[in-house]
C-alpha atoms as a PDB file:
ATOM      1  CA  MET A   1      40.125  47.901  33.334  1.00  0.00           C
ATOM      2  CA  THR A   2      37.020  49.915  32.618  1.00  0.00           C
ATOM      3  CA  MET A   3      35.943  51.241  29.254  1.00  0.00           C
ATOM      4  CA  ARG A   4      35.941  54.961  28.783  1.00  0.00           C
ATOM      5  CA  LEU A   5      32.884  56.641  27.368  1.00  0.00           C
ATOM      6  CA  ARG A   6      34.707  57.322  24.090  1.00  0.00           C
ATOM      7  CA  ASP A   7      35.549  53.594  23.740  1.00  0.00           C
ATOM      8  CA  MET A   8      31.962  52.614  24.487  1.00  0.00           C
ATOM      9  CA  LEU A   9      30.599  55.022  21.874  1.00  0.00           C
ATOM     10  CA  ARG A  10      33.076  53.751  19.276  1.00  0.00           C
ATOM     11  CA  ALA A  11      32.096  50.145  20.082  1.00  0.00           C
ATOM     12  CA  ILE A  12      28.415  51.050  19.675  1.00  0.00           C
ATOM     13  CA  ARG A  13      29.119  52.751  16.319  1.00  0.00           C
ATOM     14  CA  GLU A  14      31.211  49.828  15.044  1.00  0.00           C
ATOM     15  CA  TYR A  15      28.801  47.138  16.224  1.00  0.00           C
ATOM     16  CA  PRO A  16      26.656  46.922  13.031  1.00  0.00           C
ATOM     17  CA  ALA A  17      29.708  46.545  10.793  1.00  0.00           C
ATOM     18  CA  VAL A  18      31.325  44.012  13.097  1.00  0.00           C
ATOM     19  CA  LEU A  19      28.079  42.050  13.306  1.00  0.00           C
ATOM     20  CA  ALA A  20      27.733  42.042   9.513  1.00  0.00           C
ATOM     21  CA  GLU A  21      31.319  40.811   9.144  1.00  0.00           C
ATOM     22  CA  LEU A  22      30.672  38.090  11.718  1.00  0.00           C
ATOM     23  CA  ARG A  23      27.612  36.910   9.771  1.00  0.00           C
ATOM     24  CA  ARG A  24      29.548  36.895   6.478  1.00  0.00           C
ATOM     25  CA  THR A  25      32.313  34.917   8.138  1.00  0.00           C
ATOM     26  CA  GLN A  26      29.827  32.422   9.571  1.00  0.00           C
ATOM     27  CA  GLN A  27      28.248  31.969   6.141  1.00  0.00           C
ATOM     28  CA  ALA A  28      31.654  31.457   4.545  1.00  0.00           C
ATOM     29  CA  LEU A  29      32.501  28.898   7.215  1.00  0.00           C
ATOM     30  CA  ALA A  30      29.241  27.050   6.579  1.00  0.00           C
ATOM     31  CA  ARG A  31      29.979  26.958   2.836  1.00  0.00           C
ATOM     32  CA  SER A  32      33.499  25.694   3.520  1.00  0.00           C
ATOM     33  CA  GLU A  33      32.146  22.967   5.778  1.00  0.00           C
ATOM     34  CA  GLN A  34      29.661  21.899   3.085  1.00  0.00           C
ATOM     35  CA  THR A  35      32.454  21.801   0.510  1.00  0.00           C
ATOM     36  CA  CYS A  36      34.599  19.755   2.869  1.00  0.00           C
ATOM     37  CA  VAL A  37      31.826  17.202   3.398  1.00  0.00           C
ATOM     38  CA  ALA A  38      31.162  16.980  -0.339  1.00  0.00           C
ATOM     39  CA  LEU A  39      34.866  16.461  -1.094  1.00  0.00           C
ATOM     40  CA  ARG A  40      35.169  13.837   1.639  1.00  0.00           C
ATOM     41  CA  ASP A  41      32.175  11.974   0.210  1.00  0.00           C
ATOM     42  CA  GLU A  42      33.582  12.195  -3.304  1.00  0.00           C
ATOM     43  CA  ALA A  43      36.953  10.902  -2.129  1.00  0.00           C
ATOM     44  CA  GLY A  44      35.217   7.952  -0.465  1.00  0.00           C
ATOM     45  CA  GLU A  45      33.295   7.169  -3.631  1.00  0.00           C
ATOM     46  CA  ARG A  46      36.474   7.309  -5.695  1.00  0.00           C
ATOM     47  CA  ALA A  47      38.276   5.028  -3.257  1.00  0.00           C
ATOM     48  CA  ASN A  48      35.405   2.528  -3.472  1.00  0.00           C
ATOM     49  CA  HIS A  49      35.480   2.702  -7.268  1.00  0.00           C
ATOM     50  CA  GLU A  50      39.252   2.196  -7.256  1.00  0.00           C
ATOM     51  CA  ARG A  51      38.848  -0.954  -5.112  1.00  0.00           C
ATOM     52  CA  PHE A  52      36.165  -2.202  -7.501  1.00  0.00           C
ATOM     53  CA  LEU A  53      38.379  -1.612 -10.531  1.00  0.00           C
ATOM     54  CA  THR A  54      41.337  -3.267  -8.796  1.00  0.00           C
ATOM     55  CA  HIS A  55      39.241  -6.391  -8.173  1.00  0.00           C
ATOM     56  CA  GLN A  56      38.013  -6.363 -11.764  1.00  0.00           C
ATOM     57  CA  LEU A  57      41.565  -6.060 -13.052  1.00  0.00           C
ATOM     58  CA  ALA A  58      42.682  -8.961 -10.883  1.00  0.00           C
ATOM     59  CA  ALA A  59      39.818 -11.094 -12.217  1.00  0.00           C
ATOM     60  CA  VAL A  60      40.686 -10.229 -15.827  1.00  0.00           C
ATOM     61  CA  GLN A  61      44.362 -10.988 -15.213  1.00  0.00           C
ATOM     62  CA  THR A  62      43.458 -14.356 -13.673  1.00  0.00           C
ATOM     63  CA  ALA A  63      41.213 -15.168 -16.634  1.00  0.00           C
ATOM     64  CA  LEU A  64      43.971 -14.232 -19.084  1.00  0.00           C
ATOM     65  CA  VAL A  65      46.522 -16.401 -17.271  1.00  0.00           C
ATOM     66  CA  GLU A  66      44.125 -19.350 -17.367  1.00  0.00           C
ATOM     67  CA  PHE A  67      43.249 -18.744 -21.007  1.00  0.00           C
ATOM     68  CA  CYS A  68      46.814 -18.295 -22.279  1.00  0.00           C
END
């Protein structure tokens, strides 16, 4: 299927707007990816902290059992 001249001219006219939208979309995607990485890192840090607190709690419970 070949493009008609009218379709080609419309594509040429719309190109700057489409290109600008593509760039905005790419920037939004990059920001979303950065947010995703930051949230993943934060979740990992919280999981590590939770494990630390769980071990501390177990140690305190053991000490209390031995003391009482």
